[in-house]
N, C-alpha and C. Protein backbone atom coordinates (compact mmCIF):
# COMPACT_ATOMS: atom_id res chain seq x y z
N MET A 1 0.84 -1.18 0.00
CA MET A 1 0.00 0.00 0.00
C MET A 1 0.88 1.25 0.00
N ALA A 2 0.32 2.33 -0.44
CA ALA A 2 1.06 3.59 -0.53
C ALA A 2 1.47 4.06 0.85
N GLY A 3 2.70 4.55 0.96
CA GLY A 3 3.19 5.10 2.22
C GLY A 3 3.85 4.10 3.13
N GLU A 4 3.72 2.81 2.84
CA GLU A 4 4.35 1.81 3.70
C GLU A 4 5.82 1.67 3.35
N ALA A 5 6.62 1.28 4.34
CA ALA A 5 8.04 1.04 4.10
C ALA A 5 8.19 -0.15 3.17
N GLN A 6 9.07 -0.02 2.18
CA GLN A 6 9.28 -1.11 1.24
C GLN A 6 10.58 -1.83 1.55
N ASP A 7 10.63 -3.05 1.12
CA ASP A 7 11.82 -3.88 1.29
C ASP A 7 12.97 -3.27 0.48
N ASN A 8 14.17 -3.17 1.08
CA ASN A 8 15.32 -2.56 0.42
C ASN A 8 16.14 -3.54 -0.41
N VAL A 9 15.63 -4.75 -0.58
CA VAL A 9 16.36 -5.74 -1.34
C VAL A 9 15.84 -5.74 -2.78
N TRP A 10 16.55 -5.00 -3.63
CA TRP A 10 16.19 -4.89 -5.04
C TRP A 10 17.41 -5.25 -5.87
N PRO A 11 17.21 -5.86 -7.03
CA PRO A 11 18.35 -6.08 -7.91
C PRO A 11 18.94 -4.75 -8.37
N LEU A 12 20.23 -4.75 -8.62
CA LEU A 12 20.91 -3.52 -9.04
C LEU A 12 20.63 -3.21 -10.50
N PRO A 13 20.35 -1.95 -10.83
CA PRO A 13 20.22 -1.60 -12.25
C PRO A 13 21.60 -1.63 -12.91
N LYS A 14 21.63 -1.94 -14.20
CA LYS A 14 22.92 -2.13 -14.88
C LYS A 14 23.34 -0.98 -15.78
N PHE A 15 22.67 0.15 -15.71
CA PHE A 15 22.96 1.23 -16.65
C PHE A 15 23.94 2.27 -16.15
N TYR A 16 24.37 2.21 -14.87
CA TYR A 16 25.28 3.21 -14.32
C TYR A 16 26.57 2.51 -13.92
N PHE A 17 27.61 2.64 -14.75
CA PHE A 17 28.87 1.94 -14.52
C PHE A 17 30.02 2.78 -15.07
N LYS A 18 31.23 2.41 -14.64
CA LYS A 18 32.42 3.05 -15.19
C LYS A 18 33.50 2.00 -15.42
N VAL A 19 34.38 2.31 -16.37
CA VAL A 19 35.48 1.42 -16.72
C VAL A 19 36.76 2.23 -16.60
N GLU A 20 37.75 1.66 -15.88
CA GLU A 20 39.03 2.33 -15.71
C GLU A 20 40.16 1.40 -16.14
N VAL A 21 41.01 1.91 -17.00
CA VAL A 21 42.24 1.24 -17.38
C VAL A 21 43.35 2.17 -16.89
N THR A 22 44.45 1.63 -16.38
CA THR A 22 45.51 2.47 -15.85
C THR A 22 45.88 3.56 -16.84
N GLY A 23 45.66 4.78 -16.45
CA GLY A 23 46.00 5.92 -17.30
C GLY A 23 44.96 6.26 -18.35
N LEU A 24 43.97 5.41 -18.54
CA LEU A 24 42.93 5.65 -19.54
C LEU A 24 41.55 5.56 -18.89
N GLU A 25 40.70 6.52 -19.19
CA GLU A 25 39.33 6.44 -18.70
C GLU A 25 38.42 6.95 -19.80
N ALA A 26 37.35 6.22 -20.04
CA ALA A 26 36.40 6.60 -21.09
C ALA A 26 35.01 6.14 -20.68
N GLY A 27 34.02 6.83 -21.20
CA GLY A 27 32.65 6.41 -20.98
C GLY A 27 32.27 5.38 -22.02
N PHE A 28 31.77 4.24 -21.58
CA PHE A 28 31.40 3.17 -22.48
C PHE A 28 29.89 3.02 -22.53
N GLN A 29 29.40 2.61 -23.69
CA GLN A 29 27.99 2.36 -23.90
C GLN A 29 27.60 0.97 -23.40
N GLU A 30 28.51 0.03 -23.54
CA GLU A 30 28.19 -1.36 -23.23
C GLU A 30 29.44 -2.11 -22.82
N VAL A 31 29.28 -3.02 -21.84
CA VAL A 31 30.34 -3.93 -21.43
C VAL A 31 29.74 -5.33 -21.42
N SER A 32 30.41 -6.28 -22.04
CA SER A 32 29.91 -7.66 -22.02
C SER A 32 31.08 -8.63 -21.94
N GLY A 33 30.79 -9.84 -21.53
CA GLY A 33 31.80 -10.88 -21.47
C GLY A 33 32.39 -11.12 -20.10
N LEU A 34 31.72 -10.68 -19.05
CA LEU A 34 32.22 -10.91 -17.69
C LEU A 34 31.88 -12.34 -17.28
N ASP A 35 32.61 -13.30 -17.84
CA ASP A 35 32.31 -14.69 -17.53
C ASP A 35 33.57 -15.49 -17.27
N VAL A 36 33.40 -16.56 -16.54
CA VAL A 36 34.48 -17.49 -16.23
C VAL A 36 33.86 -18.88 -16.20
N GLU A 37 34.62 -19.87 -16.67
CA GLU A 37 34.13 -21.24 -16.63
C GLU A 37 35.27 -22.16 -16.24
N ALA A 38 34.93 -23.26 -15.61
CA ALA A 38 35.92 -24.29 -15.28
C ALA A 38 35.79 -25.38 -16.34
N GLN A 39 36.88 -25.64 -17.04
CA GLN A 39 36.86 -26.69 -18.05
C GLN A 39 36.71 -28.04 -17.34
N ILE A 40 36.01 -28.94 -17.97
CA ILE A 40 35.71 -30.24 -17.37
C ILE A 40 36.75 -31.27 -17.79
N ILE A 41 37.23 -32.04 -16.82
CA ILE A 41 38.12 -33.16 -17.09
C ILE A 41 37.32 -34.43 -16.86
N GLU A 42 37.24 -35.27 -17.89
CA GLU A 42 36.55 -36.55 -17.73
C GLU A 42 37.59 -37.65 -17.56
N TYR A 43 37.31 -38.56 -16.63
CA TYR A 43 38.27 -39.60 -16.29
C TYR A 43 37.53 -40.88 -15.95
N ARG A 44 38.09 -41.99 -16.35
CA ARG A 44 37.57 -43.30 -15.96
C ARG A 44 38.76 -44.22 -15.79
N HIS A 45 38.90 -44.79 -14.60
CA HIS A 45 40.01 -45.73 -14.40
C HIS A 45 39.58 -47.11 -14.88
N GLY A 46 40.55 -47.92 -15.22
CA GLY A 46 40.30 -49.19 -15.90
C GLY A 46 39.50 -50.21 -15.13
N ASN A 47 39.56 -50.21 -13.79
CA ASN A 47 38.83 -51.22 -13.02
C ASN A 47 37.54 -50.67 -12.42
N SER A 48 37.03 -49.57 -12.99
CA SER A 48 35.78 -48.99 -12.49
C SER A 48 34.60 -49.88 -12.90
N PRO A 49 33.72 -50.20 -11.94
CA PRO A 49 32.56 -51.02 -12.29
C PRO A 49 31.50 -50.23 -13.07
N ASP A 50 31.60 -48.90 -13.06
CA ASP A 50 30.66 -48.07 -13.82
C ASP A 50 31.14 -47.92 -15.25
N PHE A 51 30.22 -47.99 -16.18
CA PHE A 51 30.57 -47.81 -17.59
C PHE A 51 30.36 -46.36 -18.00
N SER A 52 30.90 -45.47 -17.19
CA SER A 52 30.83 -44.05 -17.49
C SER A 52 32.02 -43.35 -16.84
N THR A 53 32.26 -42.13 -17.25
CA THR A 53 33.37 -41.36 -16.71
C THR A 53 32.90 -40.55 -15.51
N ILE A 54 33.86 -40.12 -14.72
CA ILE A 54 33.57 -39.14 -13.67
C ILE A 54 34.06 -37.79 -14.18
N LYS A 55 33.46 -36.73 -13.70
CA LYS A 55 33.83 -35.39 -14.15
C LYS A 55 34.43 -34.62 -12.99
N MET A 56 35.53 -33.92 -13.30
CA MET A 56 36.23 -33.12 -12.31
C MET A 56 36.44 -31.73 -12.87
N PRO A 57 36.49 -30.71 -11.99
CA PRO A 57 36.79 -29.37 -12.50
C PRO A 57 38.24 -29.27 -12.90
N GLY A 58 38.48 -28.58 -14.00
CA GLY A 58 39.84 -28.40 -14.51
C GLY A 58 40.27 -26.94 -14.44
N ILE A 59 41.00 -26.53 -15.43
CA ILE A 59 41.54 -25.18 -15.49
C ILE A 59 40.43 -24.17 -15.74
N LYS A 60 40.53 -23.02 -15.08
CA LYS A 60 39.56 -21.95 -15.31
C LYS A 60 39.86 -21.27 -16.64
N LYS A 61 38.80 -20.85 -17.31
CA LYS A 61 38.94 -20.19 -18.60
C LYS A 61 38.12 -18.91 -18.55
N TYR A 62 38.75 -17.80 -18.92
CA TYR A 62 38.09 -16.50 -18.89
C TYR A 62 37.79 -16.04 -20.32
N GLY A 63 36.57 -15.56 -20.52
CA GLY A 63 36.20 -15.04 -21.83
C GLY A 63 36.74 -13.63 -22.02
N ASN A 64 36.82 -13.19 -23.27
CA ASN A 64 37.25 -11.83 -23.55
C ASN A 64 36.14 -10.85 -23.20
N ILE A 65 36.54 -9.66 -22.80
CA ILE A 65 35.61 -8.59 -22.46
C ILE A 65 35.43 -7.71 -23.70
N THR A 66 34.19 -7.37 -24.01
CA THR A 66 33.90 -6.49 -25.14
C THR A 66 33.38 -5.17 -24.61
N LEU A 67 34.00 -4.08 -25.03
CA LEU A 67 33.61 -2.73 -24.62
C LEU A 67 33.20 -1.95 -25.86
N LYS A 68 32.07 -1.26 -25.77
CA LYS A 68 31.60 -0.42 -26.88
C LYS A 68 31.50 1.01 -26.39
N LYS A 69 32.02 1.94 -27.22
CA LYS A 69 31.97 3.34 -26.84
C LYS A 69 31.81 4.22 -28.07
N GLY A 70 31.30 5.40 -27.85
CA GLY A 70 31.18 6.37 -28.92
C GLY A 70 32.54 6.89 -29.34
N ILE A 71 32.64 7.28 -30.60
CA ILE A 71 33.88 7.82 -31.14
C ILE A 71 33.85 9.33 -30.99
N PHE A 72 34.91 9.88 -30.39
CA PHE A 72 35.04 11.32 -30.19
C PHE A 72 36.23 11.84 -30.98
N LYS A 73 36.16 13.06 -31.38
CA LYS A 73 37.22 13.69 -32.16
C LYS A 73 38.52 13.69 -31.35
N GLY A 74 39.59 13.18 -31.95
CA GLY A 74 40.90 13.19 -31.33
C GLY A 74 41.10 12.16 -30.23
N ASP A 75 40.14 11.25 -30.02
CA ASP A 75 40.25 10.26 -28.95
C ASP A 75 40.81 8.96 -29.53
N ASN A 76 42.13 8.79 -29.43
CA ASN A 76 42.79 7.60 -29.98
C ASN A 76 43.48 6.79 -28.89
N LYS A 77 43.08 6.96 -27.63
CA LYS A 77 43.79 6.30 -26.52
C LYS A 77 43.85 4.79 -26.68
N PHE A 78 42.72 4.19 -27.05
CA PHE A 78 42.70 2.74 -27.14
C PHE A 78 43.40 2.23 -28.41
N TRP A 79 43.37 3.01 -29.49
CA TRP A 79 44.14 2.66 -30.68
C TRP A 79 45.63 2.71 -30.35
N ASP A 80 46.04 3.71 -29.58
CA ASP A 80 47.45 3.82 -29.19
C ASP A 80 47.88 2.63 -28.34
N TRP A 81 47.00 2.18 -27.42
CA TRP A 81 47.29 1.02 -26.58
C TRP A 81 47.41 -0.22 -27.46
N PHE A 82 46.51 -0.39 -28.41
CA PHE A 82 46.54 -1.53 -29.32
C PHE A 82 47.82 -1.52 -30.16
N ASN A 83 48.26 -0.35 -30.59
CA ASN A 83 49.44 -0.24 -31.44
C ASN A 83 50.75 -0.51 -30.70
N LYS A 84 50.71 -0.67 -29.39
CA LYS A 84 51.91 -1.02 -28.63
C LYS A 84 52.22 -2.51 -28.70
N ILE A 85 51.35 -3.28 -29.38
CA ILE A 85 51.60 -4.71 -29.55
C ILE A 85 52.80 -4.87 -30.47
N LYS A 86 53.80 -5.56 -29.97
CA LYS A 86 54.98 -5.91 -30.76
C LYS A 86 55.09 -7.43 -30.72
N MET A 87 56.04 -7.99 -31.40
CA MET A 87 56.21 -9.43 -31.44
C MET A 87 56.26 -10.00 -30.03
N ASN A 88 55.20 -10.64 -29.63
CA ASN A 88 55.11 -11.36 -28.35
C ASN A 88 55.15 -10.44 -27.12
N THR A 89 55.02 -9.14 -27.28
CA THR A 89 54.99 -8.24 -26.12
C THR A 89 53.82 -7.28 -26.26
N ILE A 90 53.27 -6.92 -25.12
CA ILE A 90 52.15 -5.97 -25.07
C ILE A 90 52.15 -5.33 -23.69
N GLU A 91 51.68 -4.12 -23.63
CA GLU A 91 51.54 -3.44 -22.35
C GLU A 91 50.27 -3.94 -21.67
N ARG A 92 50.43 -4.76 -20.65
CA ARG A 92 49.29 -5.32 -19.92
C ARG A 92 48.89 -4.35 -18.80
N GLN A 93 47.60 -4.20 -18.61
CA GLN A 93 47.08 -3.25 -17.63
C GLN A 93 45.98 -3.91 -16.80
N PRO A 94 45.84 -3.50 -15.54
CA PRO A 94 44.63 -3.91 -14.81
C PRO A 94 43.46 -3.07 -15.31
N VAL A 95 42.29 -3.68 -15.43
CA VAL A 95 41.08 -2.99 -15.86
C VAL A 95 40.05 -3.18 -14.76
N THR A 96 39.40 -2.08 -14.35
CA THR A 96 38.39 -2.13 -13.31
C THR A 96 37.05 -1.71 -13.90
N ILE A 97 36.04 -2.56 -13.72
CA ILE A 97 34.69 -2.27 -14.17
C ILE A 97 33.82 -2.18 -12.91
N SER A 98 33.21 -1.03 -12.69
CA SER A 98 32.45 -0.80 -11.46
C SER A 98 30.99 -0.53 -11.78
N LEU A 99 30.10 -1.26 -11.12
CA LEU A 99 28.68 -0.99 -11.18
C LEU A 99 28.38 -0.01 -10.04
N LEU A 100 27.77 1.13 -10.36
CA LEU A 100 27.62 2.22 -9.40
C LEU A 100 26.20 2.33 -8.87
N ASP A 101 26.08 2.85 -7.64
CA ASP A 101 24.75 3.14 -7.10
C ASP A 101 24.35 4.55 -7.52
N GLU A 102 23.19 5.01 -7.05
CA GLU A 102 22.68 6.32 -7.49
C GLU A 102 23.56 7.47 -7.07
N GLY A 103 24.41 7.29 -6.04
CA GLY A 103 25.33 8.33 -5.61
C GLY A 103 26.68 8.28 -6.31
N GLY A 104 26.89 7.29 -7.17
CA GLY A 104 28.15 7.16 -7.90
C GLY A 104 29.18 6.31 -7.18
N ALA A 105 28.79 5.69 -6.05
CA ALA A 105 29.72 4.82 -5.32
C ALA A 105 29.66 3.40 -5.90
N PRO A 106 30.80 2.72 -6.00
CA PRO A 106 30.79 1.35 -6.55
C PRO A 106 30.06 0.39 -5.63
N THR A 107 29.21 -0.46 -6.22
CA THR A 107 28.52 -1.50 -5.46
C THR A 107 29.07 -2.88 -5.80
N MET A 108 29.44 -3.09 -7.04
CA MET A 108 30.11 -4.31 -7.49
C MET A 108 31.31 -3.87 -8.33
N VAL A 109 32.46 -4.52 -8.12
CA VAL A 109 33.67 -4.15 -8.85
C VAL A 109 34.30 -5.42 -9.42
N TRP A 110 34.45 -5.45 -10.74
CA TRP A 110 35.14 -6.54 -11.43
C TRP A 110 36.52 -6.03 -11.82
N THR A 111 37.56 -6.76 -11.46
CA THR A 111 38.93 -6.37 -11.79
C THR A 111 39.55 -7.43 -12.69
N LEU A 112 40.03 -6.98 -13.84
CA LEU A 112 40.68 -7.87 -14.80
C LEU A 112 42.19 -7.79 -14.59
N LYS A 113 42.84 -8.94 -14.54
CA LYS A 113 44.28 -9.00 -14.31
C LYS A 113 45.00 -9.14 -15.65
N ASN A 114 46.05 -8.36 -15.83
CA ASN A 114 46.92 -8.43 -17.02
C ASN A 114 46.13 -8.33 -18.32
N ALA A 115 45.28 -7.34 -18.42
CA ALA A 115 44.44 -7.18 -19.62
C ALA A 115 45.20 -6.48 -20.74
N PHE A 116 44.85 -6.85 -21.97
CA PHE A 116 45.42 -6.20 -23.14
C PHE A 116 44.43 -6.29 -24.29
N PRO A 117 44.47 -5.32 -25.21
CA PRO A 117 43.52 -5.32 -26.32
C PRO A 117 43.88 -6.37 -27.36
N THR A 118 42.86 -7.05 -27.87
CA THR A 118 43.09 -8.05 -28.91
C THR A 118 42.43 -7.66 -30.23
N LYS A 119 41.45 -6.77 -30.16
CA LYS A 119 40.73 -6.41 -31.38
C LYS A 119 40.04 -5.07 -31.19
N ILE A 120 40.13 -4.23 -32.20
CA ILE A 120 39.37 -2.98 -32.22
C ILE A 120 38.58 -2.97 -33.52
N THR A 121 37.30 -2.69 -33.40
CA THR A 121 36.45 -2.60 -34.58
C THR A 121 35.91 -1.19 -34.68
N GLY A 122 36.22 -0.53 -35.77
CA GLY A 122 35.70 0.82 -35.99
C GLY A 122 34.22 0.78 -36.34
N THR A 123 33.64 1.92 -36.46
CA THR A 123 32.22 2.02 -36.76
C THR A 123 31.94 1.73 -38.23
N ASP A 124 30.70 1.37 -38.52
CA ASP A 124 30.28 1.31 -39.92
C ASP A 124 29.82 2.70 -40.32
N LEU A 125 29.94 3.00 -41.58
CA LEU A 125 29.58 4.34 -42.07
C LEU A 125 28.42 4.21 -43.06
N LYS A 126 27.39 5.03 -42.87
CA LYS A 126 26.22 5.01 -43.74
C LYS A 126 25.83 6.44 -44.06
N SER A 127 25.66 6.73 -45.33
CA SER A 127 25.34 8.10 -45.74
C SER A 127 23.94 8.51 -45.32
N ASP A 128 23.03 7.56 -45.09
CA ASP A 128 21.67 7.92 -44.69
C ASP A 128 21.38 7.53 -43.24
N GLY A 129 22.41 7.19 -42.47
CA GLY A 129 22.22 6.79 -41.07
C GLY A 129 22.16 7.99 -40.15
N ASN A 130 21.53 7.79 -38.99
CA ASN A 130 21.47 8.86 -37.99
C ASN A 130 21.87 8.34 -36.61
N GLU A 131 22.71 7.30 -36.59
CA GLU A 131 23.18 6.76 -35.33
C GLU A 131 24.52 7.38 -34.95
N VAL A 132 24.89 7.22 -33.71
CA VAL A 132 26.19 7.67 -33.20
C VAL A 132 27.26 6.68 -33.68
N ALA A 133 28.44 7.17 -33.99
CA ALA A 133 29.56 6.32 -34.38
C ALA A 133 30.08 5.61 -33.13
N VAL A 134 30.10 4.27 -33.18
CA VAL A 134 30.50 3.46 -32.03
C VAL A 134 31.62 2.52 -32.45
N GLU A 135 32.69 2.47 -31.63
CA GLU A 135 33.77 1.52 -31.87
C GLU A 135 33.74 0.45 -30.78
N THR A 136 34.29 -0.72 -31.11
CA THR A 136 34.29 -1.85 -30.20
C THR A 136 35.72 -2.24 -29.88
N LEU A 137 36.00 -2.45 -28.60
CA LEU A 137 37.32 -2.86 -28.13
C LEU A 137 37.16 -4.20 -27.43
N GLU A 138 37.95 -5.19 -27.85
CA GLU A 138 37.92 -6.51 -27.21
C GLU A 138 39.20 -6.67 -26.41
N ILE A 139 39.05 -7.10 -25.16
CA ILE A 139 40.18 -7.21 -24.24
C ILE A 139 40.30 -8.64 -23.74
N ALA A 140 41.51 -9.20 -23.81
CA ALA A 140 41.81 -10.49 -23.20
C ALA A 140 42.43 -10.22 -21.83
N HIS A 141 42.28 -11.18 -20.92
CA HIS A 141 42.84 -11.01 -19.57
C HIS A 141 43.16 -12.37 -18.98
N GLU A 142 43.85 -12.37 -17.85
CA GLU A 142 44.30 -13.62 -17.22
C GLU A 142 43.65 -13.88 -15.87
N GLY A 143 42.61 -13.18 -15.54
CA GLY A 143 41.94 -13.43 -14.28
C GLY A 143 40.88 -12.37 -14.00
N LEU A 144 39.87 -12.77 -13.27
CA LEU A 144 38.73 -11.89 -12.97
C LEU A 144 38.40 -12.04 -11.49
N THR A 145 38.43 -10.93 -10.76
CA THR A 145 38.02 -10.96 -9.36
C THR A 145 36.83 -10.04 -9.19
N ILE A 146 35.97 -10.39 -8.24
CA ILE A 146 34.77 -9.60 -7.97
C ILE A 146 34.80 -9.17 -6.51
N ALA A 147 34.50 -7.90 -6.28
CA ALA A 147 34.45 -7.36 -4.92
C ALA A 147 33.18 -6.54 -4.78
N ASN A 148 32.64 -6.48 -3.60
CA ASN A 148 31.48 -5.63 -3.31
C ASN A 148 31.98 -4.31 -2.77
N GLY A 149 31.34 -3.21 -3.23
CA GLY A 149 31.79 -1.87 -2.90
C GLY A 149 31.68 -1.48 -1.47
């Protein structure tokens, strides 16, 4: 009923977030790929009476993170980071993705370890389009930690 105290347990909205890379900060339209999976190891020893395998957790595997942002005049920070890739070397950076509350304080924080860009996709161009120019940055990393703000 109107005027009664409501329960404060609500899911967090996903539209207010920030992404920080050491020395680089930009507003992003979309972040996706915050996933991790444990690869499965199947095993069956020779004297097992069961005619099936057992499954065990194996090595963790992290998916690439995809970031989408608008293109701004003179903003080449991520292209510059990508261009630092040389034969078998790259400048690896920690990346922090924070889901923010209404006051701008982080409520959930995902931290990527040893992240580096693997792919940049520029915008498509259309003479009759009226959309904003958006580029896509794909980042590989070696670990994902989650913390509450």
